[in-house]
Amino acid sequence: MPVRMNRQTKELIAAAREMQHARYVLRLYVAGMTPRSAEAIRRVTDFCEKHLTEQYELEIIDIYQKPALMRGEQIVAVPTLVKHLPEPLRRLIGDMQDEDKLLFGMDLVTRPK
């Protein structure tokens, strides 16, 4: 016997399937190649490979090389990771050490541990 679903249920199921294949568009802002910048780059790339395998685009921006991008994004501290897609836009500031905060900031979990 086929299961009957209303329109709203079908839309929710379609949205859930779409989220499974969401493409993450990320920008990591760093200040030169300092040890802190290198560590943030390593942590973010490791995180993306572990949790977003083949579902992300990561652009690393040195604010000394492209200061206009920093102003356009309203970056006030570095390192800062900006998640453009999927929405909502999120900014994560700091050394990217706390994986639970990264999971929460990327909307991969509903609340940090």
PDB file of N, CA and C in Angstrom:
ATOM      1  N   MET A   1       0.845  -1.173   0.000  1.00  0.00           N
ATOM      2  CA  MET A   1       0.000   0.000   0.000  1.00  0.00           C
ATOM      3  C   MET A   1       0.894   1.241   0.000  1.00  0.00           C
ATOM      4  N   PRO A   2       0.742   2.140  -0.974  1.00  0.00           N
ATOM      5  CA  PRO A   2       1.587   3.332  -1.063  1.00  0.00           C
ATOM      6  C   PRO A   2       1.300   4.307   0.084  1.00  0.00           C
ATOM      7  N   VAL A   3       2.349   4.981   0.507  1.00  0.00           N
ATOM      8  CA  VAL A   3       2.230   5.977   1.572  1.00  0.00           C
ATOM      9  C   VAL A   3       1.812   7.296   0.940  1.00  0.00           C
ATOM     10  N   ARG A   4       0.810   7.944   1.522  1.00  0.00           N
ATOM     11  CA  ARG A   4       0.333   9.229   1.011  1.00  0.00           C
ATOM     12  C   ARG A   4       1.009  10.345   1.795  1.00  0.00           C
ATOM     13  N   MET A   5       1.534  11.324   1.051  1.00  0.00           N
ATOM     14  CA  MET A   5       2.192  12.465   1.680  1.00  0.00           C
ATOM     15  C   MET A   5       1.578  13.745   1.161  1.00  0.00           C
ATOM     16  N   ASN A   6       1.440  14.710   2.063  1.00  0.00           N
ATOM     17  CA  ASN A   6       0.952  15.997   1.609  1.00  0.00           C
ATOM     18  C   ASN A   6       2.106  16.786   0.994  1.00  0.00           C
ATOM     19  N   ARG A   7       1.798  17.932   0.414  1.00  0.00           N
ATOM     20  CA  ARG A   7       2.801  18.750  -0.273  1.00  0.00           C
ATOM     21  C   ARG A   7       3.914  19.205   0.668  1.00  0.00           C
ATOM     22  N   GLN A   8       3.545  19.610   1.866  1.00  0.00           N
ATOM     23  CA  GLN A   8       4.545  20.096   2.821  1.00  0.00           C
ATOM     24  C   GLN A   8       5.531  18.988   3.188  1.00  0.00           C
ATOM     25  N   THR A   9       5.049  17.790   3.403  1.00  0.00           N
ATOM     26  CA  THR A   9       5.923  16.661   3.723  1.00  0.00           C
ATOM     27  C   THR A   9       6.876  16.383   2.567  1.00  0.00           C
ATOM     28  N   LYS A  10       6.373  16.405   1.351  1.00  0.00           N
ATOM     29  CA  LYS A  10       7.221  16.183   0.182  1.00  0.00           C
ATOM     30  C   LYS A  10       8.299  17.260   0.072  1.00  0.00           C
ATOM     31  N   GLU A  11       7.936  18.513   0.353  1.00  0.00           N
ATOM     32  CA  GLU A  11       8.909  19.613   0.294  1.00  0.00           C
ATOM     33  C   GLU A  11       9.982  19.460   1.366  1.00  0.00           C
ATOM     34  N   LEU A  12       9.584  19.019   2.558  1.00  0.00           N
ATOM     35  CA  LEU A  12      10.557  18.817   3.634  1.00  0.00           C
ATOM     36  C   LEU A  12      11.523  17.674   3.303  1.00  0.00           C
ATOM     37  N   ILE A  13      11.006  16.615   2.741  1.00  0.00           N
ATOM     38  CA  ILE A  13      11.859  15.488   2.341  1.00  0.00           C
ATOM     39  C   ILE A  13      12.842  15.940   1.262  1.00  0.00           C
ATOM     40  N   ALA A  14      12.363  16.706   0.286  1.00  0.00           N
ATOM     41  CA  ALA A  14      13.234  17.205  -0.783  1.00  0.00           C
ATOM     42  C   ALA A  14      14.313  18.130  -0.214  1.00  0.00           C
ATOM     43  N   ALA A  15      13.949  18.989   0.725  1.00  0.00           N
ATOM     44  CA  ALA A  15      14.923  19.897   1.347  1.00  0.00           C
ATOM     45  C   ALA A  15      15.979  19.124   2.128  1.00  0.00           C
ATOM     46  N   ALA A  16      15.571  18.091   2.840  1.00  0.00           N
ATOM     47  CA  ALA A  16      16.518  17.271   3.605  1.00  0.00           C
ATOM     48  C   ALA A  16      17.499  16.573   2.666  1.00  0.00           C
ATOM     49  N   ARG A  17      17.017  16.056   1.542  1.00  0.00           N
ATOM     50  CA  ARG A  17      17.904  15.409   0.569  1.00  0.00           C
ATOM     51  C   ARG A  17      18.883  16.409  -0.027  1.00  0.00           C
ATOM     52  N   GLU A  18      18.391  17.604  -0.301  1.00  0.00           N
ATOM     53  CA  GLU A  18      19.244  18.655  -0.865  1.00  0.00           C
ATOM     54  C   GLU A  18      20.339  19.055   0.113  1.00  0.00           C
ATOM     55  N   MET A  19      20.015  19.118   1.412  1.00  0.00           N
ATOM     56  CA  MET A  19      21.009  19.485   2.409  1.00  0.00           C
ATOM     57  C   MET A  19      22.129  18.447   2.501  1.00  0.00           C
ATOM     58  N   GLN A  20      21.815  17.189   2.247  1.00  0.00           N
ATOM     59  CA  GLN A  20      22.836  16.152   2.281  1.00  0.00           C
ATOM     60  C   GLN A  20      23.898  16.382   1.221  1.00  0.00           C
ATOM     61  N   HIS A  21      23.542  17.069   0.141  1.00  0.00           N
ATOM     62  CA  HIS A  21      24.460  17.300  -0.959  1.00  0.00           C
ATOM     63  C   HIS A  21      24.815  18.780  -1.093  1.00  0.00           C
ATOM     64  N   ALA A  22      24.649  19.543  -0.012  1.00  0.00           N
ATOM     65  CA  ALA A  22      24.928  20.973  -0.048  1.00  0.00           C
ATOM     66  C   ALA A  22      26.401  21.221  -0.338  1.00  0.00           C
ATOM     67  N   ARG A  23      26.667  22.263  -1.079  1.00  0.00           N
ATOM     68  CA  ARG A  23      28.037  22.683  -1.393  1.00  0.00           C
ATOM     69  C   ARG A  23      28.398  23.814  -0.449  1.00  0.00           C
ATOM     70  N   TYR A  24      29.478  23.661   0.278  1.00  0.00           N
ATOM     71  CA  TYR A  24      29.939  24.677   1.218  1.00  0.00           C
ATOM     72  C   TYR A  24      30.944  25.583   0.526  1.00  0.00           C
ATOM     73  N   VAL A  25      30.684  26.872   0.572  1.00  0.00           N
ATOM     74  CA  VAL A  25      31.588  27.871   0.012  1.00  0.00           C
ATOM     75  C   VAL A  25      32.155  28.648   1.185  1.00  0.00           C
ATOM     76  N   LEU A  26      33.468  28.508   1.383  1.00  0.00           N
ATOM     77  CA  LEU A  26      34.135  29.045   2.565  1.00  0.00           C
ATOM     78  C   LEU A  26      35.299  29.941   2.167  1.00  0.00           C
ATOM     79  N   ARG A  27      35.539  30.949   2.997  1.00  0.00           N
ATOM     80  CA  ARG A  27      36.723  31.800   2.866  1.00  0.00           C
ATOM     81  C   ARG A  27      37.403  31.872   4.219  1.00  0.00           C
ATOM     82  N   LEU A  28      38.698  31.608   4.219  1.00  0.00           N
ATOM     83  CA  LEU A  28      39.483  31.721   5.443  1.00  0.00           C
ATOM     84  C   LEU A  28      40.424  32.904   5.290  1.00  0.00           C
ATOM     85  N   TYR A  29      40.266  33.884   6.161  1.00  0.00           N
ATOM     86  CA  TYR A  29      41.107  35.072   6.156  1.00  0.00           C
ATOM     87  C   TYR A  29      42.227  34.889   7.164  1.00  0.00           C
ATOM     88  N   VAL A  30      43.469  35.088   6.692  1.00  0.00           N
ATOM     89  CA  VAL A  30      44.647  34.974   7.548  1.00  0.00           C
ATOM     90  C   VAL A  30      45.535  36.192   7.331  1.00  0.00           C
ATOM     91  N   ALA A  31      46.488  36.387   8.251  1.00  0.00           N
ATOM     92  CA  ALA A  31      47.420  37.514   8.167  1.00  0.00           C
ATOM     93  C   ALA A  31      48.811  36.982   7.870  1.00  0.00           C
ATOM     94  N   GLY A  32      49.160  36.870   6.599  1.00  0.00           N
ATOM     95  CA  GLY A  32      50.475  36.384   6.218  1.00  0.00           C
ATOM     96  C   GLY A  32      50.645  34.912   6.555  1.00  0.00           C
ATOM     97  N   MET A  33      51.884  34.439   6.449  1.00  0.00           N
ATOM     98  CA  MET A  33      52.158  33.041   6.766  1.00  0.00           C
ATOM     99  C   MET A  33      52.830  32.931   8.132  1.00  0.00           C
ATOM    100  N   THR A  34      52.125  33.389   9.129  1.00  0.00           N
ATOM    101  CA  THR A  34      52.591  33.260  10.499  1.00  0.00           C
ATOM    102  C   THR A  34      52.272  31.846  10.991  1.00  0.00           C
ATOM    103  N   PRO A  35      52.896  31.425  12.088  1.00  0.00           N
ATOM    104  CA  PRO A  35      52.533  30.107  12.643  1.00  0.00           C
ATOM    105  C   PRO A  35      51.042  29.992  12.956  1.00  0.00           C
ATOM    106  N   ARG A  36      50.442  31.072  13.449  1.00  0.00           N
ATOM    107  CA  ARG A  36      49.001  31.043  13.756  1.00  0.00           C
ATOM    108  C   ARG A  36      48.167  30.861  12.494  1.00  0.00           C
ATOM    109  N   SER A  37      48.546  31.553  11.414  1.00  0.00           N
ATOM    110  CA  SER A  37      47.836  31.408  10.140  1.00  0.00           C
ATOM    111  C   SER A  37      47.987  29.993   9.594  1.00  0.00           C
ATOM    112  N   ALA A  38      49.207  29.477   9.629  1.00  0.00           N
ATOM    113  CA  ALA A  38      49.453  28.124   9.122  1.00  0.00           C
ATOM    114  C   ALA A  38      48.642  27.091   9.900  1.00  0.00           C
ATOM    115  N   GLU A  39      48.551  27.268  11.200  1.00  0.00           N
ATOM    116  CA  GLU A  39      47.778  26.337  12.035  1.00  0.00           C
ATOM    117  C   GLU A  39      46.288  26.421  11.709  1.00  0.00           C
ATOM    118  N   ALA A  40      45.769  27.631  11.519  1.00  0.00           N
ATOM    119  CA  ALA A  40      44.348  27.791  11.158  1.00  0.00           C
ATOM    120  C   ALA A  40      44.062  27.139   9.805  1.00  0.00           C
ATOM    121  N   ILE A  41      44.964  27.320   8.851  1.00  0.00           N
ATOM    122  CA  ILE A  41      44.797  26.708   7.528  1.00  0.00           C
ATOM    123  C   ILE A  41      44.774  25.190   7.658  1.00  0.00           C
ATOM    124  N   ARG A  42      45.706  24.645   8.409  1.00  0.00           N
ATOM    125  CA  ARG A  42      45.758  23.194   8.598  1.00  0.00           C
ATOM    126  C   ARG A  42      44.486  22.674   9.256  1.00  0.00           C
ATOM    127  N   ARG A  43      44.048  23.365  10.305  1.00  0.00           N
ATOM    128  CA  ARG A  43      42.846  22.895  11.022  1.00  0.00           C
ATOM    129  C   ARG A  43      41.602  22.959  10.150  1.00  0.00           C
ATOM    130  N   VAL A  44      41.445  24.039   9.398  1.00  0.00           N
ATOM    131  CA  VAL A  44      40.253  24.173   8.554  1.00  0.00           C
ATOM    132  C   VAL A  44      40.281  23.146   7.425  1.00  0.00           C
ATOM    133  N   THR A  45      41.414  22.951   6.781  1.00  0.00           N
ATOM    134  CA  THR A  45      41.460  21.962   5.700  1.00  0.00           C
ATOM    135  C   THR A  45      41.250  20.548   6.238  1.00  0.00           C
ATOM    136  N   ASP A  46      41.831  20.235   7.395  1.00  0.00           N
ATOM    137  CA  ASP A  46      41.594  18.920   8.009  1.00  0.00           C
ATOM    138  C   ASP A  46      40.118  18.738   8.344  1.00  0.00           C
ATOM    139  N   PHE A  47      39.496  19.777   8.918  1.00  0.00           N
ATOM    140  CA  PHE A  47      38.073  19.729   9.265  1.00  0.00           C
ATOM    141  C   PHE A  47      37.232  19.486   8.007  1.00  0.00           C
ATOM    142  N   CYS A  48      37.515  20.240   6.946  1.00  0.00           N
ATOM    143  CA  CYS A  48      36.737  20.108   5.712  1.00  0.00           C
ATOM    144  C   CYS A  48      36.883  18.718   5.107  1.00  0.00           C
ATOM    145  N   GLU A  49      38.096  18.194   5.101  1.00  0.00           N
ATOM    146  CA  GLU A  49      38.302  16.845   4.557  1.00  0.00           C
ATOM    147  C   GLU A  49      37.586  15.788   5.392  1.00  0.00           C
ATOM    148  N   LYS A  50      37.528  15.990   6.686  1.00  0.00           N
ATOM    149  CA  LYS A  50      36.884  15.022   7.571  1.00  0.00           C
ATOM    150  C   LYS A  50      35.356  15.085   7.497  1.00  0.00           C
ATOM    151  N   HIS A  51      34.798  16.302   7.460  1.00  0.00           N
ATOM    152  CA  HIS A  51      33.345  16.453   7.593  1.00  0.00           C
ATOM    153  C   HIS A  51      32.625  16.868   6.305  1.00  0.00           C
ATOM    154  N   LEU A  52      33.335  17.428   5.345  1.00  0.00           N
ATOM    155  CA  LEU A  52      32.690  17.950   4.134  1.00  0.00           C
ATOM    156  C   LEU A  52      33.307  17.382   2.863  1.00  0.00           C
ATOM    157  N   THR A  53      33.849  16.199   2.937  1.00  0.00           N
ATOM    158  CA  THR A  53      34.594  15.603   1.837  1.00  0.00           C
ATOM    159  C   THR A  53      33.914  15.846   0.488  1.00  0.00           C
ATOM    160  N   GLU A  54      34.661  16.478  -0.402  1.00  0.00           N
ATOM    161  CA  GLU A  54      34.214  16.773  -1.771  1.00  0.00           C
ATOM    162  C   GLU A  54      32.947  17.610  -1.843  1.00  0.00           C
ATOM    163  N   GLN A  55      32.589  18.273  -0.756  1.00  0.00           N
ATOM    164  CA  GLN A  55      31.395  19.120  -0.749  1.00  0.00           C
ATOM    165  C   GLN A  55      31.732  20.568  -0.436  1.00  0.00           C
ATOM    166  N   TYR A  56      32.972  20.964  -0.635  1.00  0.00           N
ATOM    167  CA  TYR A  56      33.336  22.319  -0.237  1.00  0.00           C
ATOM    168  C   TYR A  56      34.314  22.966  -1.210  1.00  0.00           C
ATOM    169  N   GLU A  57      34.263  24.298  -1.201  1.00  0.00           N
ATOM    170  CA  GLU A  57      35.247  25.127  -1.887  1.00  0.00           C
ATOM    171  C   GLU A  57      35.823  26.031  -0.810  1.00  0.00           C
ATOM    172  N   LEU A  58      37.135  25.983  -0.636  1.00  0.00           N
ATOM    173  CA  LEU A  58      37.798  26.789   0.379  1.00  0.00           C
ATOM    174  C   LEU A  58      38.769  27.731  -0.300  1.00  0.00           C
ATOM    175  N   GLU A  59      38.578  29.023  -0.068  1.00  0.00           N
ATOM    176  CA  GLU A  59      39.498  30.034  -0.568  1.00  0.00           C
ATOM    177  C   GLU A  59      40.227  30.621   0.636  1.00  0.00           C
ATOM    178  N   ILE A  60      41.544  30.631   0.577  1.00  0.00           N
ATOM    179  CA  ILE A  60      42.352  31.192   1.654  1.00  0.00           C
ATOM    180  C   ILE A  60      42.832  32.566   1.201  1.00  0.00           C
ATOM    181  N   ILE A  61      42.547  33.578   2.011  1.00  0.00           N
ATOM    182  CA  ILE A  61      42.849  34.958   1.648  1.00  0.00           C
ATOM    183  C   ILE A  61      43.788  35.561   2.679  1.00  0.00           C
ATOM    184  N   ASP A  62      44.934  36.021   2.191  1.00  0.00           N
ATOM    185  CA  ASP A  62      45.899  36.734   3.020  1.00  0.00           C
ATOM    186  C   ASP A  62      45.491  38.208   3.004  1.00  0.00           C
ATOM    187  N   ILE A  63      45.143  38.738   4.163  1.00  0.00           N
ATOM    188  CA  ILE A  63      44.638  40.119   4.214  1.00  0.00           C
ATOM    189  C   ILE A  63      45.707  41.136   3.822  1.00  0.00           C
ATOM    190  N   TYR A  64      46.974  40.764   3.890  1.00  0.00           N
ATOM    191  CA  TYR A  64      48.040  41.667   3.447  1.00  0.00           C
ATOM    192  C   TYR A  64      48.106  41.742   1.929  1.00  0.00           C
ATOM    193  N   GLN A  65      47.729  40.661   1.269  1.00  0.00           N
ATOM    194  CA  GLN A  65      47.745  40.619  -0.192  1.00  0.00           C
ATOM    195  C   GLN A  65      46.465  41.191  -0.810  1.00  0.00           C
ATOM    196  N   LYS A  66      45.343  41.013  -0.117  1.00  0.00           N
ATOM    197  CA  LYS A  66      44.047  41.472  -0.653  1.00  0.00           C
ATOM    198  C   LYS A  66      43.249  42.196   0.436  1.00  0.00           C
ATOM    199  N   PRO A  67      43.705  43.364   0.861  1.00  0.00           N
ATOM    200  CA  PRO A  67      43.013  44.071   1.948  1.00  0.00           C
ATOM    201  C   PRO A  67      41.593  44.513   1.588  1.00  0.00           C
ATOM    202  N   ALA A  68      41.312  44.726   0.315  1.00  0.00           N
ATOM    203  CA  ALA A  68      39.967  45.155  -0.084  1.00  0.00           C
ATOM    204  C   ALA A  68      38.928  44.075   0.227  1.00  0.00           C
ATOM    205  N   LEU A  69      39.298  42.812   0.064  1.00  0.00           N
ATOM    206  CA  LEU A  69      38.364  41.724   0.382  1.00  0.00           C
ATOM    207  C   LEU A  69      38.045  41.709   1.867  1.00  0.00           C
ATOM    208  N   MET A  70      39.039  42.007   2.678  1.00  0.00           N
ATOM    209  CA  MET A  70      38.838  42.052   4.127  1.00  0.00           C
ATOM    210  C   MET A  70      37.809  43.131   4.497  1.00  0.00           C
ATOM    211  N   ARG A  71      37.963  44.290   3.899  1.00  0.00           N
ATOM    212  CA  ARG A  71      37.013  45.380   4.191  1.00  0.00           C
ATOM    213  C   ARG A  71      35.616  45.035   3.694  1.00  0.00           C
ATOM    214  N   GLY A  72      35.541  44.442   2.507  1.00  0.00           N
ATOM    215  CA  GLY A  72      34.248  44.091   1.939  1.00  0.00           C
ATOM    216  C   GLY A  72      33.491  43.075   2.777  1.00  0.00           C
ATOM    217  N   GLU A  73      34.214  42.191   3.441  1.00  0.00           N
ATOM    218  CA  GLU A  73      33.605  41.157   4.286  1.00  0.00           C
ATOM    219  C   GLU A  73      33.450  41.610   5.731  1.00  0.00           C
ATOM    220  N   GLN A  74      33.930  42.816   6.033  1.00  0.00           N
ATOM    221  CA  GLN A  74      33.876  43.364   7.394  1.00  0.00           C
ATOM    222  C   GLN A  74      34.603  42.455   8.386  1.00  0.00           C
ATOM    223  N   ILE A  75      35.798  42.041   8.012  1.00  0.00           N
ATOM    224  CA  ILE A  75      36.638  41.206   8.875  1.00  0.00           C
ATOM    225  C   ILE A  75      37.329  42.109   9.886  1.00  0.00           C
ATOM    226  N   VAL A  76      37.189  41.799  11.164  1.00  0.00           N
ATOM    227  CA  VAL A  76      37.776  42.632  12.217  1.00  0.00           C
ATOM    228  C   VAL A  76      38.908  41.921  12.946  1.00  0.00           C
ATOM    229  N   ALA A  77      39.054  40.620  12.757  1.00  0.00           N
ATOM    230  CA  ALA A  77      40.114  39.846  13.401  1.00  0.00           C
ATOM    231  C   ALA A  77      40.452  38.669  12.498  1.00  0.00           C
ATOM    232  N   VAL A  78      41.671  38.183  12.624  1.00  0.00           N
ATOM    233  CA  VAL A  78      42.075  37.010  11.858  1.00  0.00           C
ATOM    234  C   VAL A  78      42.733  36.014  12.798  1.00  0.00           C
ATOM    235  N   PRO A  79      42.657  34.741  12.523  1.00  0.00           N
ATOM    236  CA  PRO A  79      41.961  34.151  11.388  1.00  0.00           C
ATOM    237  C   PRO A  79      40.443  34.184  11.563  1.00  0.00           C
ATOM    238  N   THR A  80      39.755  34.351  10.443  1.00  0.00           N
ATOM    239  CA  THR A  80      38.298  34.311  10.407  1.00  0.00           C
ATOM    240  C   THR A  80      37.868  33.411   9.257  1.00  0.00           C
ATOM    241  N   LEU A  81      36.967  32.497   9.553  1.00  0.00           N
ATOM    242  CA  LEU A  81      36.389  31.625   8.541  1.00  0.00           C
ATOM    243  C   LEU A  81      34.973  32.117   8.259  1.00  0.00           C
ATOM    244  N   VAL A  82      34.680  32.391   6.980  1.00  0.00           N
ATOM    245  CA  VAL A  82      33.353  32.855   6.583  1.00  0.00           C
ATOM    246  C   VAL A  82      32.697  31.760   5.757  1.00  0.00           C
ATOM    247  N   LYS A  83      31.512  31.360   6.193  1.00  0.00           N
ATOM    248  CA  LYS A  83      30.714  30.370   5.445  1.00  0.00           C
ATOM    249  C   LYS A  83      29.673  31.146   4.651  1.00  0.00           C
ATOM    250  N   HIS A  84      29.843  31.179   3.330  1.00  0.00           N
ATOM    251  CA  HIS A  84      28.891  31.882   2.466  1.00  0.00           C
ATOM    252  C   HIS A  84      27.692  30.995   2.126  1.00  0.00           C
ATOM    253  N   LEU A  85      27.967  29.766   1.784  1.00  0.00           N
ATOM    254  CA  LEU A  85      26.913  28.822   1.430  1.00  0.00           C
ATOM    255  C   LEU A  85      27.173  27.509   2.132  1.00  0.00           C
ATOM    256  N   PRO A  86      26.163  26.757   2.456  1.00  0.00           N
ATOM    257  CA  PRO A  86      24.752  27.134   2.385  1.00  0.00           C
ATOM    258  C   PRO A  86      24.419  28.186   3.432  1.00  0.00           C
ATOM    259  N   GLU A  87      23.391  28.925   3.139  1.00  0.00           N
ATOM    260  CA  GLU A  87      22.968  29.978   4.056  1.00  0.00           C
ATOM    261  C   GLU A  87      22.513  29.372   5.371  1.00  0.00           C
ATOM    262  N   PRO A  88      22.579  30.068   6.467  1.00  0.00           N
ATOM    263  CA  PRO A  88      22.900  31.480   6.611  1.00  0.00           C
ATOM    264  C   PRO A  88      24.409  31.718   6.635  1.00  0.00           C
ATOM    265  N   LEU A  89      24.804  32.942   6.298  1.00  0.00           N
ATOM    266  CA  LEU A  89      26.194  33.355   6.365  1.00  0.00           C
ATOM    267  C   LEU A  89      26.660  33.274   7.806  1.00  0.00           C
ATOM    268  N   ARG A  90      27.855  32.739   8.010  1.00  0.00           N
ATOM    269  CA  ARG A  90      28.410  32.625   9.369  1.00  0.00           C
ATOM    270  C   ARG A  90      29.855  33.063   9.356  1.00  0.00           C
ATOM    271  N   ARG A  91      30.301  33.669  10.455  1.00  0.00           N
ATOM    272  CA  ARG A  91      31.698  34.038  10.655  1.00  0.00           C
ATOM    273  C   ARG A  91      32.204  33.349  11.913  1.00  0.00           C
ATOM    274  N   LEU A  92      33.325  32.657  11.787  1.00  0.00           N
ATOM    275  CA  LEU A  92      33.948  31.994  12.928  1.00  0.00           C
ATOM    276  C   LEU A  92      35.332  32.609  13.102  1.00  0.00           C
ATOM    277  N   ILE A  93      35.588  33.147  14.271  1.00  0.00           N
ATOM    278  CA  ILE A  93      36.829  33.863  14.532  1.00  0.00           C
ATOM    279  C   ILE A  93      37.674  33.072  15.526  1.00  0.00           C
ATOM    280  N   GLY A  94      38.969  33.003  15.265  1.00  0.00           N
ATOM    281  CA  GLY A  94      39.872  32.355  16.197  1.00  0.00           C
ATOM    282  C   GLY A  94      40.757  31.341  15.511  1.00  0.00           C
ATOM    283  N   ASP A  95      41.404  30.509  16.306  1.00  0.00           N
ATOM    284  CA  ASP A  95      42.393  29.577  15.765  1.00  0.00           C
ATOM    285  C   ASP A  95      41.790  28.299  15.192  1.00  0.00           C
ATOM    286  N   MET A  96      40.491  28.155  15.228  1.00  0.00           N
ATOM    287  CA  MET A  96      39.774  27.005  14.650  1.00  0.00           C
ATOM    288  C   MET A  96      40.118  25.703  15.363  1.00  0.00           C
ATOM    289  N   GLN A  97      40.488  25.803  16.614  1.00  0.00           N
ATOM    290  CA  GLN A  97      40.907  24.645  17.393  1.00  0.00           C
ATOM    291  C   GLN A  97      39.736  23.794  17.872  1.00  0.00           C
ATOM    292  N   ASP A  98      38.603  24.420  18.153  1.00  0.00           N
ATOM    293  CA  ASP A  98      37.465  23.711  18.744  1.00  0.00           C
ATOM    294  C   ASP A  98      36.578  23.113  17.649  1.00  0.00           C
ATOM    295  N   GLU A  99      36.705  21.805  17.433  1.00  0.00           N
ATOM    296  CA  GLU A  99      35.951  21.136  16.375  1.00  0.00           C
ATOM    297  C   GLU A  99      34.440  21.216  16.608  1.00  0.00           C
ATOM    298  N   ASP A 100      33.994  21.164  17.868  1.00  0.00           N
ATOM    299  CA  ASP A 100      32.561  21.259  18.157  1.00  0.00           C
ATOM    300  C   ASP A 100      32.000  22.602  17.712  1.00  0.00           C
ATOM    301  N   LYS A 101      32.750  23.672  17.924  1.00  0.00           N
ATOM    302  CA  LYS A 101      32.302  25.002  17.484  1.00  0.00           C
ATOM    303  C   LYS A 101      32.286  25.096  15.959  1.00  0.00           C
ATOM    304  N   LEU A 102      33.251  24.473  15.310  1.00  0.00           N
ATOM    305  CA  LEU A 102      33.246  24.450  13.851  1.00  0.00           C
ATOM    306  C   LEU A 102      32.043  23.670  13.321  1.00  0.00           C
ATOM    307  N   LEU A 103      31.748  22.530  13.926  1.00  0.00           N
ATOM    308  CA  LEU A 103      30.579  21.751  13.513  1.00  0.00           C
ATOM    309  C   LEU A 103      29.301  22.567  13.670  1.00  0.00           C
ATOM    310  N   PHE A 104      29.182  23.257  14.791  1.00  0.00           N
ATOM    311  CA  PHE A 104      28.004  24.086  15.045  1.00  0.00           C
ATOM    312  C   PHE A 104      27.953  25.260  14.069  1.00  0.00           C
ATOM    313  N   GLY A 105      29.087  25.915  13.858  1.00  0.00           N
ATOM    314  CA  GLY A 105      29.142  27.062  12.946  1.00  0.00           C
ATOM    315  C   GLY A 105      28.842  26.710  11.507  1.00  0.00           C
ATOM    316  N   MET A 106      29.155  25.491  11.122  1.00  0.00           N
ATOM    317  CA  MET A 106      28.876  25.025   9.768  1.00  0.00           C
ATOM    318  C   MET A 106      27.471  24.435   9.649  1.00  0.00           C
ATOM    319  N   ASP A 107      26.720  24.448  10.736  1.00  0.00           N
ATOM    320  CA  ASP A 107      25.370  23.879  10.779  1.00  0.00           C
ATOM    321  C   ASP A 107      25.373  22.370  10.553  1.00  0.00           C
ATOM    322  N   LEU A 108      26.431  21.701  10.988  1.00  0.00           N
ATOM    323  CA  LEU A 108      26.496  20.243  10.872  1.00  0.00           C
ATOM    324  C   LEU A 108      25.956  19.548  12.102  1.00  0.00           C
ATOM    325  N   VAL A 109      25.827  20.273  13.202  1.00  0.00           N
ATOM    326  CA  VAL A 109      25.158  19.807  14.406  1.00  0.00           C
ATOM    327  C   VAL A 109      24.287  20.940  14.922  1.00  0.00           C
ATOM    328  N   THR A 110      23.270  20.614  15.706  1.00  0.00           N
ATOM    329  CA  THR A 110      22.349  21.636  16.149  1.00  0.00           C
ATOM    330  C   THR A 110      22.839  22.436  17.356  1.00  0.00           C
ATOM    331  N   ARG A 111      23.721  21.863  18.170  1.00  0.00           N
ATOM    332  CA  ARG A 111      24.306  22.614  19.274  1.00  0.00           C
ATOM    333  C   ARG A 111      25.632  21.994  19.678  1.00  0.00           C
ATOM    334  N   PRO A 112      26.565  22.851  20.117  1.00  0.00           N
ATOM    335  CA  PRO A 112      27.878  22.303  20.510  1.00  0.00           C
ATOM    336  C   PRO A 112      27.779  21.467  21.765  1.00  0.00           C
ATOM    337  N   LYS A 113      28.724  20.541  21.923  1.00  0.00           N
ATOM    338  CA  LYS A 113      28.744  19.672  23.118  1.00  0.00           C
ATOM    339  C   LYS A 113      29.130  20.458  24.347  1.00  0.00           C
TER     340      LYS A 113
END
